[in-house]
């Protein structure tokens, strides 16, 4: 559900899409992981 929300996609399971939400702590964990991956990729490219 977090992937779908970030990419603007819809889920095939309409019940899951309507009744699922991304909790703030999930979003924060996701953002921290993406930032870590970005920095690691940048350091690797450099």
ModelCIF file with pLDDT and N, C-alpha, C, O atoms, coordinates in Angstrom:
data_MODEL
#
_entry.id   MODEL 
#
_entity.id                         1 
_entity.type                       polymer 
_entity.pdbx_number_of_molecules   1 
#
_entity_poly.entity_id                      1 
_entity_poly.type                           'polypeptide(L)' 
_entity_poly.nstd_linkage                   no 
_entity_poly.nstd_monomer                   no 
_entity_poly.pdbx_seq_one_letter_code       
;(UNK)(UNK)(UNK)(UNK)(UNK)(UNK)(UNK)(UNK)(UNK)(UNK)(UNK)(UNK)(UNK)(UNK)(UNK)(UNK)
(UNK)(UNK)(UNK)(UNK)(UNK)(UNK)(UNK)(UNK)(UNK)(UNK)(UNK)(UNK)(UNK)(UNK)(UNK)(UNK)
(UNK)(UNK)(UNK)(UNK)(UNK)(UNK)(UNK)(UNK)(UNK)(UNK)(UNK)(UNK)(UNK)(UNK)
;
_entity_poly.pdbx_seq_one_letter_code_can   XXXXXXXXXXXXXXXXXXXXXXXXXXXXXXXXXXXXXXXXXXXXXX 
_entity_poly.pdbx_strand_id                 A 
#
loop_
_entity_poly_seq.entity_id 
_entity_poly_seq.num 
_entity_poly_seq.mon_id 
_entity_poly_seq.hetero 
1 1  UNK n 
1 2  UNK n 
1 3  UNK n 
1 4  UNK n 
1 5  UNK n 
1 6  UNK n 
1 7  UNK n 
1 8  UNK n 
1 9  UNK n 
1 10 UNK n 
1 11 UNK n 
1 12 UNK n 
1 13 UNK n 
1 14 UNK n 
1 15 UNK n 
1 16 UNK n 
1 17 UNK n 
1 18 UNK n 
1 19 UNK n 
1 20 UNK n 
1 21 UNK n 
1 22 UNK n 
1 23 UNK n 
1 24 UNK n 
1 25 UNK n 
1 26 UNK n 
1 27 UNK n 
1 28 UNK n 
1 29 UNK n 
1 30 UNK n 
1 31 UNK n 
1 32 UNK n 
1 33 UNK n 
1 34 UNK n 
1 35 UNK n 
1 36 UNK n 
1 37 UNK n 
1 38 UNK n 
1 39 UNK n 
1 40 UNK n 
1 41 UNK n 
1 42 UNK n 
1 43 UNK n 
1 44 UNK n 
1 45 UNK n 
1 46 UNK n 
#
_struct_asym.id          A 
_struct_asym.entity_id   1 
#
loop_
_ma_qa_metric.id 
_ma_qa_metric.mode 
_ma_qa_metric.name 
_ma_qa_metric.software_group_id 
_ma_qa_metric.type 
1 global pLDDT . pLDDT 
2 local  pLDDT . pLDDT 
#
_ma_qa_metric_global.metric_id      1 
_ma_qa_metric_global.metric_value   85.35 
_ma_qa_metric_global.model_id       1 
_ma_qa_metric_global.ordinal_id     1 
#
loop_
_ma_qa_metric_local.label_asym_id 
_ma_qa_metric_local.label_comp_id 
_ma_qa_metric_local.label_seq_id 
_ma_qa_metric_local.metric_id 
_ma_qa_metric_local.metric_value 
_ma_qa_metric_local.model_id 
_ma_qa_metric_local.ordinal_id 
A UNK 1  2 89.00 1 1  
A UNK 2  2 91.00 1 2  
A UNK 3  2 92.00 1 3  
A UNK 4  2 90.00 1 4  
A UNK 5  2 89.00 1 5  
A UNK 6  2 90.00 1 6  
A UNK 7  2 89.00 1 7  
A UNK 8  2 88.00 1 8  
A UNK 9  2 87.00 1 9  
A UNK 10 2 85.00 1 10 
A UNK 11 2 82.00 1 11 
A UNK 12 2 83.00 1 12 
A UNK 13 2 79.00 1 13 
A UNK 14 2 77.00 1 14 
A UNK 15 2 73.00 1 15 
A UNK 16 2 69.00 1 16 
A UNK 17 2 70.00 1 17 
A UNK 18 2 75.00 1 18 
A UNK 19 2 75.00 1 19 
A UNK 20 2 79.00 1 20 
A UNK 21 2 83.00 1 21 
A UNK 22 2 86.00 1 22 
A UNK 23 2 88.00 1 23 
A UNK 24 2 91.00 1 24 
A UNK 25 2 93.00 1 25 
A UNK 26 2 91.00 1 26 
A UNK 27 2 91.00 1 27 
A UNK 28 2 94.00 1 28 
A UNK 29 2 93.00 1 29 
A UNK 30 2 92.00 1 30 
A UNK 31 2 92.00 1 31 
A UNK 32 2 94.00 1 32 
A UNK 33 2 93.00 1 33 
A UNK 34 2 91.00 1 34 
A UNK 35 2 92.00 1 35 
A UNK 36 2 92.00 1 36 
A UNK 37 2 89.00 1 37 
A UNK 38 2 86.00 1 38 
A UNK 39 2 89.00 1 39 
A UNK 40 2 88.00 1 40 
A UNK 41 2 81.00 1 41 
A UNK 42 2 78.00 1 42 
A UNK 43 2 81.00 1 43 
A UNK 44 2 77.00 1 44 
A UNK 45 2 73.00 1 45 
A UNK 46 2 76.00 1 46 
#
loop_
_atom_site.group_PDB 
_atom_site.id 
_atom_site.type_symbol 
_atom_site.label_atom_id 
_atom_site.label_alt_id 
_atom_site.label_comp_id 
_atom_site.label_asym_id 
_atom_site.label_entity_id 
_atom_site.label_seq_id 
_atom_site.pdbx_PDB_ins_code 
_atom_site.Cartn_x 
_atom_site.Cartn_y 
_atom_site.Cartn_z 
_atom_site.occupancy 
_atom_site.B_iso_or_equiv 
_atom_site.pdbx_formal_charge 
_atom_site.auth_seq_id 
_atom_site.auth_comp_id 
_atom_site.auth_asym_id 
_atom_site.auth_atom_id 
_atom_site.pdbx_PDB_model_num 
ATOM 1   N N  . UNK A 1 1  ? 0.831   -1.210 0.000  1.00 89.00 ? 1  UNK A N  1 
ATOM 2   C CA . UNK A 1 1  ? 0.000   0.000  0.000  1.00 89.00 ? 1  UNK A CA 1 
ATOM 3   C C  . UNK A 1 1  ? 0.867   1.261  0.000  1.00 89.00 ? 1  UNK A C  1 
ATOM 4   O O  . UNK A 1 1  ? 0.511   2.253  -0.636 1.00 89.00 ? 1  UNK A O  1 
ATOM 5   N N  . UNK A 1 2  ? 2.002   1.232  0.708  1.00 91.00 ? 2  UNK A N  1 
ATOM 6   C CA . UNK A 1 2  ? 2.907   2.382  0.734  1.00 91.00 ? 2  UNK A CA 1 
ATOM 7   C C  . UNK A 1 2  ? 3.548   2.578  -0.640 1.00 91.00 ? 2  UNK A C  1 
ATOM 8   O O  . UNK A 1 2  ? 3.715   3.710  -1.096 1.00 91.00 ? 2  UNK A O  1 
ATOM 9   N N  . UNK A 1 3  ? 3.905   1.483  -1.292 1.00 92.00 ? 3  UNK A N  1 
ATOM 10  C CA . UNK A 1 3  ? 4.471   1.565  -2.640 1.00 92.00 ? 3  UNK A CA 1 
ATOM 11  C C  . UNK A 1 3  ? 3.462   2.189  -3.598 1.00 92.00 ? 3  UNK A C  1 
ATOM 12  O O  . UNK A 1 3  ? 3.795   3.083  -4.376 1.00 92.00 ? 3  UNK A O  1 
ATOM 13  N N  . UNK A 1 4  ? 2.226   1.703  -3.530 1.00 90.00 ? 4  UNK A N  1 
ATOM 14  C CA . UNK A 1 4  ? 1.177   2.207  -4.430 1.00 90.00 ? 4  UNK A CA 1 
ATOM 15  C C  . UNK A 1 4  ? 0.924   3.690  -4.198 1.00 90.00 ? 4  UNK A C  1 
ATOM 16  O O  . UNK A 1 4  ? 0.793   4.450  -5.158 1.00 90.00 ? 4  UNK A O  1 
ATOM 17  N N  . UNK A 1 5  ? 0.855   4.109  -2.950 1.00 89.00 ? 5  UNK A N  1 
ATOM 18  C CA . UNK A 1 5  ? 0.611   5.524  -2.635 1.00 89.00 ? 5  UNK A CA 1 
ATOM 19  C C  . UNK A 1 5  ? 1.728   6.418  -3.190 1.00 89.00 ? 5  UNK A C  1 
ATOM 20  O O  . UNK A 1 5  ? 1.452   7.473  -3.761 1.00 89.00 ? 5  UNK A O  1 
ATOM 21  N N  . UNK A 1 6  ? 2.981   5.997  -3.024 1.00 90.00 ? 6  UNK A N  1 
ATOM 22  C CA . UNK A 1 6  ? 4.120   6.810  -3.472 1.00 90.00 ? 6  UNK A CA 1 
ATOM 23  C C  . UNK A 1 6  ? 4.176   6.919  -4.991 1.00 90.00 ? 6  UNK A C  1 
ATOM 24  O O  . UNK A 1 6  ? 4.573   7.954  -5.526 1.00 90.00 ? 6  UNK A O  1 
ATOM 25  N N  . UNK A 1 7  ? 3.775   5.846  -5.694 1.00 89.00 ? 7  UNK A N  1 
ATOM 26  C CA . UNK A 1 7  ? 3.876   5.838  -7.152 1.00 89.00 ? 7  UNK A CA 1 
ATOM 27  C C  . UNK A 1 7  ? 2.580   6.248  -7.845 1.00 89.00 ? 7  UNK A C  1 
ATOM 28  O O  . UNK A 1 7  ? 2.541   6.347  -9.071 1.00 89.00 ? 7  UNK A O  1 
ATOM 29  N N  . UNK A 1 8  ? 1.519   6.488  -7.074 1.00 88.00 ? 8  UNK A N  1 
ATOM 30  C CA . UNK A 1 8  ? 0.243   6.872  -7.668 1.00 88.00 ? 8  UNK A CA 1 
ATOM 31  C C  . UNK A 1 8  ? -0.482  5.719  -8.329 1.00 88.00 ? 8  UNK A C  1 
ATOM 32  O O  . UNK A 1 8  ? -1.276  5.922  -9.247 1.00 88.00 ? 8  UNK A O  1 
ATOM 33  N N  . UNK A 1 9  ? -0.212  4.509  -7.867 1.00 87.00 ? 9  UNK A N  1 
ATOM 34  C CA . UNK A 1 9  ? -0.855  3.317  -8.421 1.00 87.00 ? 9  UNK A CA 1 
ATOM 35  C C  . UNK A 1 9  ? -2.095  2.947  -7.610 1.00 87.00 ? 9  UNK A C  1 
ATOM 36  O O  . UNK A 1 9  ? -2.277  3.399  -6.479 1.00 87.00 ? 9  UNK A O  1 
ATOM 37  N N  . UNK A 1 10 ? -2.928  2.129  -8.205 1.00 85.00 ? 10 UNK A N  1 
ATOM 38  C CA . UNK A 1 10 ? -4.090  1.567  -7.516 1.00 85.00 ? 10 UNK A CA 1 
ATOM 39  C C  . UNK A 1 10 ? -3.838  0.076  -7.316 1.00 85.00 ? 10 UNK A C  1 
ATOM 40  O O  . UNK A 1 10 ? -3.197  -0.570 -8.145 1.00 85.00 ? 10 UNK A O  1 
ATOM 41  N N  . UNK A 1 11 ? -4.337  -0.453 -6.228 1.00 82.00 ? 11 UNK A N  1 
ATOM 42  C CA . UNK A 1 11 ? -4.199  -1.881 -5.953 1.00 82.00 ? 11 UNK A CA 1 
ATOM 43  C C  . UNK A 1 11 ? -5.371  -2.636 -6.567 1.00 82.00 ? 11 UNK A C  1 
ATOM 44  O O  . UNK A 1 11 ? -6.476  -2.107 -6.684 1.00 82.00 ? 11 UNK A O  1 
ATOM 45  N N  . UNK A 1 12 ? -5.113  -3.870 -6.954 1.00 83.00 ? 12 UNK A N  1 
ATOM 46  C CA . UNK A 1 12 ? -6.175  -4.701 -7.527 1.00 83.00 ? 12 UNK A CA 1 
ATOM 47  C C  . UNK A 1 12 ? -7.244  -4.995 -6.487 1.00 83.00 ? 12 UNK A C  1 
ATOM 48  O O  . UNK A 1 12 ? -8.424  -5.093 -6.823 1.00 83.00 ? 12 UNK A O  1 
ATOM 49  N N  . UNK A 1 13 ? -6.844  -5.136 -5.226 1.00 79.00 ? 13 UNK A N  1 
ATOM 50  C CA . UNK A 1 13 ? -7.776  -5.416 -4.146 1.00 79.00 ? 13 UNK A CA 1 
ATOM 51  C C  . UNK A 1 13 ? -8.332  -4.086 -3.624 1.00 79.00 ? 13 UNK A C  1 
ATOM 52  O O  . UNK A 1 13 ? -7.673  -3.398 -2.845 1.00 79.00 ? 13 UNK A O  1 
ATOM 53  N N  . UNK A 1 14 ? -9.529  -3.735 -4.052 1.00 77.00 ? 14 UNK A N  1 
ATOM 54  C CA . UNK A 1 14 ? -10.139 -2.443 -3.701 1.00 77.00 ? 14 UNK A CA 1 
ATOM 55  C C  . UNK A 1 14 ? -10.365 -2.307 -2.194 1.00 77.00 ? 14 UNK A C  1 
ATOM 56  O O  . UNK A 1 14 ? -10.233 -1.210 -1.652 1.00 77.00 ? 14 UNK A O  1 
ATOM 57  N N  . UNK A 1 15 ? -10.699 -3.391 -1.516 1.00 73.00 ? 15 UNK A N  1 
ATOM 58  C CA . UNK A 1 15 ? -10.923 -3.346 -0.066 1.00 73.00 ? 15 UNK A CA 1 
ATOM 59  C C  . UNK A 1 15 ? -9.624  -2.950 0.646  1.00 73.00 ? 15 UNK A C  1 
ATOM 60  O O  . UNK A 1 15 ? -9.626  -2.095 1.531  1.00 73.00 ? 15 UNK A O  1 
ATOM 61  N N  . UNK A 1 16 ? -8.528  -3.579 0.252  1.00 69.00 ? 16 UNK A N  1 
ATOM 62  C CA . UNK A 1 16 ? -7.229  -3.250 0.848  1.00 69.00 ? 16 UNK A CA 1 
ATOM 63  C C  . UNK A 1 16 ? -6.883  -1.794 0.575  1.00 69.00 ? 16 UNK A C  1 
ATOM 64  O O  . UNK A 1 16 ? -6.411  -1.090 1.468  1.00 69.00 ? 16 UNK A O  1 
ATOM 65  N N  . UNK A 1 17 ? -7.113  -1.337 -0.650 1.00 70.00 ? 17 UNK A N  1 
ATOM 66  C CA . UNK A 1 17 ? -6.767  0.039  -1.013 1.00 70.00 ? 17 UNK A CA 1 
ATOM 67  C C  . UNK A 1 17 ? -7.582  1.049  -0.205 1.00 70.00 ? 17 UNK A C  1 
ATOM 68  O O  . UNK A 1 17 ? -7.032  2.043  0.268  1.00 70.00 ? 17 UNK A O  1 
ATOM 69  N N  . UNK A 1 18 ? -8.858  0.814  -0.044 1.00 75.00 ? 18 UNK A N  1 
ATOM 70  C CA . UNK A 1 18 ? -9.734  1.755  0.656  1.00 75.00 ? 18 UNK A CA 1 
ATOM 71  C C  . UNK A 1 18 ? -9.488  1.751  2.157  1.00 75.00 ? 18 UNK A C  1 
ATOM 72  O O  . UNK A 1 18 ? -9.507  2.806  2.791  1.00 75.00 ? 18 UNK A O  1 
ATOM 73  N N  . UNK A 1 19 ? -9.258  0.572  2.731  1.00 75.00 ? 19 UNK A N  1 
ATOM 74  C CA . UNK A 1 19 ? -9.188  0.468  4.188  1.00 75.00 ? 19 UNK A CA 1 
ATOM 75  C C  . UNK A 1 19 ? -7.771  0.416  4.756  1.00 75.00 ? 19 UNK A C  1 
ATOM 76  O O  . UNK A 1 19 ? -7.600  0.323  5.971  1.00 75.00 ? 19 UNK A O  1 
ATOM 77  N N  . UNK A 1 20 ? -6.757  0.476  3.898  1.00 79.00 ? 20 UNK A N  1 
ATOM 78  C CA . UNK A 1 20 ? -5.376  0.482  4.382  1.00 79.00 ? 20 UNK A CA 1 
ATOM 79  C C  . UNK A 1 20 ? -4.812  1.889  4.313  1.00 79.00 ? 20 UNK A C  1 
ATOM 80  O O  . UNK A 1 20 ? -5.098  2.648  3.387  1.00 79.00 ? 20 UNK A O  1 
ATOM 81  N N  . UNK A 1 21 ? -4.015  2.218  5.300  1.00 83.00 ? 21 UNK A N  1 
ATOM 82  C CA . UNK A 1 21 ? -3.376  3.528  5.348  1.00 83.00 ? 21 UNK A CA 1 
ATOM 83  C C  . UNK A 1 21 ? -1.916  3.327  5.712  1.00 83.00 ? 21 UNK A C  1 
ATOM 84  O O  . UNK A 1 21 ? -1.550  2.320  6.317  1.00 83.00 ? 21 UNK A O  1 
ATOM 85  N N  . UNK A 1 22 ? -1.093  4.283  5.342  1.00 86.00 ? 22 UNK A N  1 
ATOM 86  C CA . UNK A 1 22 ? 0.326   4.217  5.646  1.00 86.00 ? 22 UNK A CA 1 
ATOM 87  C C  . UNK A 1 22 ? 0.560   5.028  6.919  1.00 86.00 ? 22 UNK A C  1 
ATOM 88  O O  . UNK A 1 22 ? 0.418   6.251  6.924  1.00 86.00 ? 22 UNK A O  1 
ATOM 89  N N  . UNK A 1 23 ? 0.920   4.333  7.996  1.00 88.00 ? 23 UNK A N  1 
ATOM 90  C CA . UNK A 1 23 ? 1.161   4.989  9.280  1.00 88.00 ? 23 UNK A CA 1 
ATOM 91  C C  . UNK A 1 23 ? 2.404   5.881  9.177  1.00 88.00 ? 23 UNK A C  1 
ATOM 92  O O  . UNK A 1 23 ? 3.328   5.574  8.424  1.00 88.00 ? 23 UNK A O  1 
ATOM 93  N N  . UNK A 1 24 ? 2.426   6.988  9.935  1.00 91.00 ? 24 UNK A N  1 
ATOM 94  C CA . UNK A 1 24 ? 3.574   7.895  9.883  1.00 91.00 ? 24 UNK A CA 1 
ATOM 95  C C  . UNK A 1 24 ? 4.914   7.203  10.155 1.00 91.00 ? 24 UNK A C  1 
ATOM 96  O O  . UNK A 1 24 ? 5.920   7.544  9.533  1.00 91.00 ? 24 UNK A O  1 
ATOM 97  N N  . UNK A 1 25 ? 4.935   6.240  11.074 1.00 93.00 ? 25 UNK A N  1 
ATOM 98  C CA . UNK A 1 25 ? 6.208   5.564  11.363 1.00 93.00 ? 25 UNK A CA 1 
ATOM 99  C C  . UNK A 1 25 ? 6.666   4.688  10.196 1.00 93.00 ? 25 UNK A C  1 
ATOM 100 O O  . UNK A 1 25 ? 7.865   4.489  10.001 1.00 93.00 ? 25 UNK A O  1 
ATOM 101 N N  . UNK A 1 26 ? 5.711   4.165  9.418  1.00 91.00 ? 26 UNK A N  1 
ATOM 102 C CA . UNK A 1 26 ? 6.064   3.383  8.230  1.00 91.00 ? 26 UNK A CA 1 
ATOM 103 C C  . UNK A 1 26 ? 6.648   4.322  7.175  1.00 91.00 ? 26 UNK A C  1 
ATOM 104 O O  . UNK A 1 26 ? 7.655   4.001  6.544  1.00 91.00 ? 26 UNK A O  1 
ATOM 105 N N  . UNK A 1 27 ? 6.024   5.461  6.988  1.00 91.00 ? 27 UNK A N  1 
ATOM 106 C CA . UNK A 1 27 ? 6.516   6.450  6.025  1.00 91.00 ? 27 UNK A CA 1 
ATOM 107 C C  . UNK A 1 27 ? 7.914   6.939  6.412  1.00 91.00 ? 27 UNK A C  1 
ATOM 108 O O  . UNK A 1 27 ? 8.778   7.086  5.548  1.00 91.00 ? 27 UNK A O  1 
ATOM 109 N N  . UNK A 1 28 ? 8.136   7.189  7.685  1.00 94.00 ? 28 UNK A N  1 
ATOM 110 C CA . UNK A 1 28 ? 9.445   7.652  8.151  1.00 94.00 ? 28 UNK A CA 1 
ATOM 111 C C  . UNK A 1 28 ? 10.509  6.568  7.930  1.00 94.00 ? 28 UNK A C  1 
ATOM 112 O O  . UNK A 1 28 ? 11.614  6.872  7.480  1.00 94.00 ? 28 UNK A O  1 
ATOM 113 N N  . UNK A 1 29 ? 10.189  5.329  8.237  1.00 93.00 ? 29 UNK A N  1 
ATOM 114 C CA . UNK A 1 29 ? 11.123  4.220  8.025  1.00 93.00 ? 29 UNK A CA 1 
ATOM 115 C C  . UNK A 1 29 ? 11.442  4.075  6.538  1.00 93.00 ? 29 UNK A C  1 
ATOM 116 O O  . UNK A 1 29 ? 12.593  3.855  6.160  1.00 93.00 ? 29 UNK A O  1 
ATOM 117 N N  . UNK A 1 30 ? 10.424  4.199  5.708  1.00 92.00 ? 30 UNK A N  1 
ATOM 118 C CA . UNK A 1 30 ? 10.580  4.102  4.262  1.00 92.00 ? 30 UNK A CA 1 
ATOM 119 C C  . UNK A 1 30 ? 11.489  5.232  3.756  1.00 92.00 ? 30 UNK A C  1 
ATOM 120 O O  . UNK A 1 30 ? 12.404  4.982  2.972  1.00 92.00 ? 30 UNK A O  1 
ATOM 121 N N  . UNK A 1 31 ? 11.243  6.459  4.196  1.00 92.00 ? 31 UNK A N  1 
ATOM 122 C CA . UNK A 1 31 ? 12.054  7.606  3.768  1.00 92.00 ? 31 UNK A CA 1 
ATOM 123 C C  . UNK A 1 31 ? 13.501  7.467  4.220  1.00 92.00 ? 31 UNK A C  1 
ATOM 124 O O  . UNK A 1 31 ? 14.422  7.760  3.457  1.00 92.00 ? 31 UNK A O  1 
ATOM 125 N N  . UNK A 1 32 ? 13.707  7.023  5.454  1.00 94.00 ? 32 UNK A N  1 
ATOM 126 C CA . UNK A 1 32 ? 15.073  6.831  5.952  1.00 94.00 ? 32 UNK A CA 1 
ATOM 127 C C  . UNK A 1 32 ? 15.810  5.780  5.137  1.00 94.00 ? 32 UNK A C  1 
ATOM 128 O O  . UNK A 1 32 ? 16.990  5.946  4.827  1.00 94.00 ? 32 UNK A O  1 
ATOM 129 N N  . UNK A 1 33 ? 15.113  4.690  4.787  1.00 93.00 ? 33 UNK A N  1 
ATOM 130 C CA . UNK A 1 33 ? 15.737  3.638  3.987  1.00 93.00 ? 33 UNK A CA 1 
ATOM 131 C C  . UNK A 1 33 ? 16.077  4.149  2.592  1.00 93.00 ? 33 UNK A C  1 
ATOM 132 O O  . UNK A 1 33 ? 17.163  3.868  2.086  1.00 93.00 ? 33 UNK A O  1 
ATOM 133 N N  . UNK A 1 34 ? 15.164  4.900  1.956  1.00 91.00 ? 34 UNK A N  1 
ATOM 134 C CA . UNK A 1 34 ? 15.431  5.445  0.627  1.00 91.00 ? 34 UNK A CA 1 
ATOM 135 C C  . UNK A 1 34 ? 16.618  6.409  0.660  1.00 91.00 ? 34 UNK A C  1 
ATOM 136 O O  . UNK A 1 34 ? 17.459  6.399  -0.239 1.00 91.00 ? 34 UNK A O  1 
ATOM 137 N N  . UNK A 1 35 ? 16.679  7.239  1.700  1.00 92.00 ? 35 UNK A N  1 
ATOM 138 C CA . UNK A 1 35 ? 17.783  8.186  1.808  1.00 92.00 ? 35 UNK A CA 1 
ATOM 139 C C  . UNK A 1 35 ? 19.115  7.450  1.988  1.00 92.00 ? 35 UNK A C  1 
ATOM 140 O O  . UNK A 1 35 ? 20.120  7.825  1.385  1.00 92.00 ? 35 UNK A O  1 
ATOM 141 N N  . UNK A 1 36 ? 19.118  6.411  2.813  1.00 92.00 ? 36 UNK A N  1 
ATOM 142 C CA . UNK A 1 36 ? 20.333  5.619  3.013  1.00 92.00 ? 36 UNK A CA 1 
ATOM 143 C C  . UNK A 1 36 ? 20.775  4.993  1.693  1.00 92.00 ? 36 UNK A C  1 
ATOM 144 O O  . UNK A 1 36 ? 21.954  5.038  1.341  1.00 92.00 ? 36 UNK A O  1 
ATOM 145 N N  . UNK A 1 37 ? 19.826  4.412  0.966  1.00 89.00 ? 37 UNK A N  1 
ATOM 146 C CA . UNK A 1 37 ? 20.162  3.782  -0.310 1.00 89.00 ? 37 UNK A CA 1 
ATOM 147 C C  . UNK A 1 37 ? 20.700  4.807  -1.309 1.00 89.00 ? 37 UNK A C  1 
ATOM 148 O O  . UNK A 1 37 ? 21.641  4.514  -2.047 1.00 89.00 ? 37 UNK A O  1 
ATOM 149 N N  . UNK A 1 38 ? 20.116  5.997  -1.338 1.00 86.00 ? 38 UNK A N  1 
ATOM 150 C CA . UNK A 1 38 ? 20.570  7.056  -2.238 1.00 86.00 ? 38 UNK A CA 1 
ATOM 151 C C  . UNK A 1 38 ? 22.012  7.444  -1.925 1.00 86.00 ? 38 UNK A C  1 
ATOM 152 O O  . UNK A 1 38 ? 22.838  7.561  -2.830 1.00 86.00 ? 38 UNK A O  1 
ATOM 153 N N  . UNK A 1 39 ? 22.314  7.645  -0.638 1.00 89.00 ? 39 UNK A N  1 
ATOM 154 C CA . UNK A 1 39 ? 23.669  8.028  -0.241 1.00 89.00 ? 39 UNK A CA 1 
ATOM 155 C C  . UNK A 1 39 ? 24.669  6.921  -0.556 1.00 89.00 ? 39 UNK A C  1 
ATOM 156 O O  . UNK A 1 39 ? 25.777  7.206  -1.012 1.00 89.00 ? 39 UNK A O  1 
ATOM 157 N N  . UNK A 1 40 ? 24.300  5.673  -0.323 1.00 88.00 ? 40 UNK A N  1 
ATOM 158 C CA . UNK A 1 40 ? 25.201  4.556  -0.646 1.00 88.00 ? 40 UNK A CA 1 
ATOM 159 C C  . UNK A 1 40 ? 25.453  4.491  -2.154 1.00 88.00 ? 40 UNK A C  1 
ATOM 160 O O  . UNK A 1 40 ? 26.586  4.270  -2.582 1.00 88.00 ? 40 UNK A O  1 
ATOM 161 N N  . UNK A 1 41 ? 24.425  4.677  -2.942 1.00 81.00 ? 41 UNK A N  1 
ATOM 162 C CA . UNK A 1 41 ? 24.578  4.654  -4.400 1.00 81.00 ? 41 UNK A CA 1 
ATOM 163 C C  . UNK A 1 41 ? 25.450  5.818  -4.850 1.00 81.00 ? 41 UNK A C  1 
ATOM 164 O O  . UNK A 1 41 ? 26.306  5.652  -5.720 1.00 81.00 ? 41 UNK A O  1 
ATOM 165 N N  . UNK A 1 42 ? 25.240  6.988  -4.268 1.00 78.00 ? 42 UNK A N  1 
ATOM 166 C CA . UNK A 1 42 ? 26.028  8.160  -4.624 1.00 78.00 ? 42 UNK A CA 1 
ATOM 167 C C  . UNK A 1 42 ? 27.495  7.947  -4.273 1.00 78.00 ? 42 UNK A C  1 
ATOM 168 O O  . UNK A 1 42 ? 28.374  8.263  -5.075 1.00 78.00 ? 42 UNK A O  1 
ATOM 169 N N  . UNK A 1 43 ? 27.768  7.420  -3.095 1.00 81.00 ? 43 UNK A N  1 
ATOM 170 C CA . UNK A 1 43 ? 29.153  7.156  -2.691 1.00 81.00 ? 43 UNK A CA 1 
ATOM 171 C C  . UNK A 1 43 ? 29.796  6.124  -3.612 1.00 81.00 ? 43 UNK A C  1 
ATOM 172 O O  . UNK A 1 43 ? 30.972  6.241  -3.956 1.00 81.00 ? 43 UNK A O  1 
ATOM 173 N N  . UNK A 1 44 ? 29.021  5.109  -4.011 1.00 77.00 ? 44 UNK A N  1 
ATOM 174 C CA . UNK A 1 44 ? 29.536  4.078  -4.910 1.00 77.00 ? 44 UNK A CA 1 
ATOM 175 C C  . UNK A 1 44 ? 29.874  4.667  -6.276 1.00 77.00 ? 44 UNK A C  1 
ATOM 176 O O  . UNK A 1 44 ? 30.905  4.332  -6.859 1.00 77.00 ? 44 UNK A O  1 
ATOM 177 N N  . UNK A 1 45 ? 29.009  5.546  -6.788 1.00 73.00 ? 45 UNK A N  1 
ATOM 178 C CA . UNK A 1 45 ? 29.256  6.171  -8.093 1.00 73.00 ? 45 UNK A CA 1 
ATOM 179 C C  . UNK A 1 45 ? 30.484  7.067  -8.010 1.00 73.00 ? 45 UNK A C  1 
ATOM 180 O O  . UNK A 1 45 ? 31.297  7.087  -8.934 1.00 73.00 ? 45 UNK A O  1 
ATOM 181 N N  . UNK A 1 46 ? 30.630  7.807  -6.916 1.00 76.00 ? 46 UNK A N  1 
ATOM 182 C CA . UNK A 1 46 ? 31.792  8.689  -6.776 1.00 76.00 ? 46 UNK A CA 1 
ATOM 183 C C  . UNK A 1 46 ? 33.085  7.891  -6.662 1.00 76.00 ? 46 UNK A C  1 
ATOM 184 O O  . UNK A 1 46 ? 34.162  8.474  -6.537 1.00 76.00 ? 46 UNK A O  1 
#
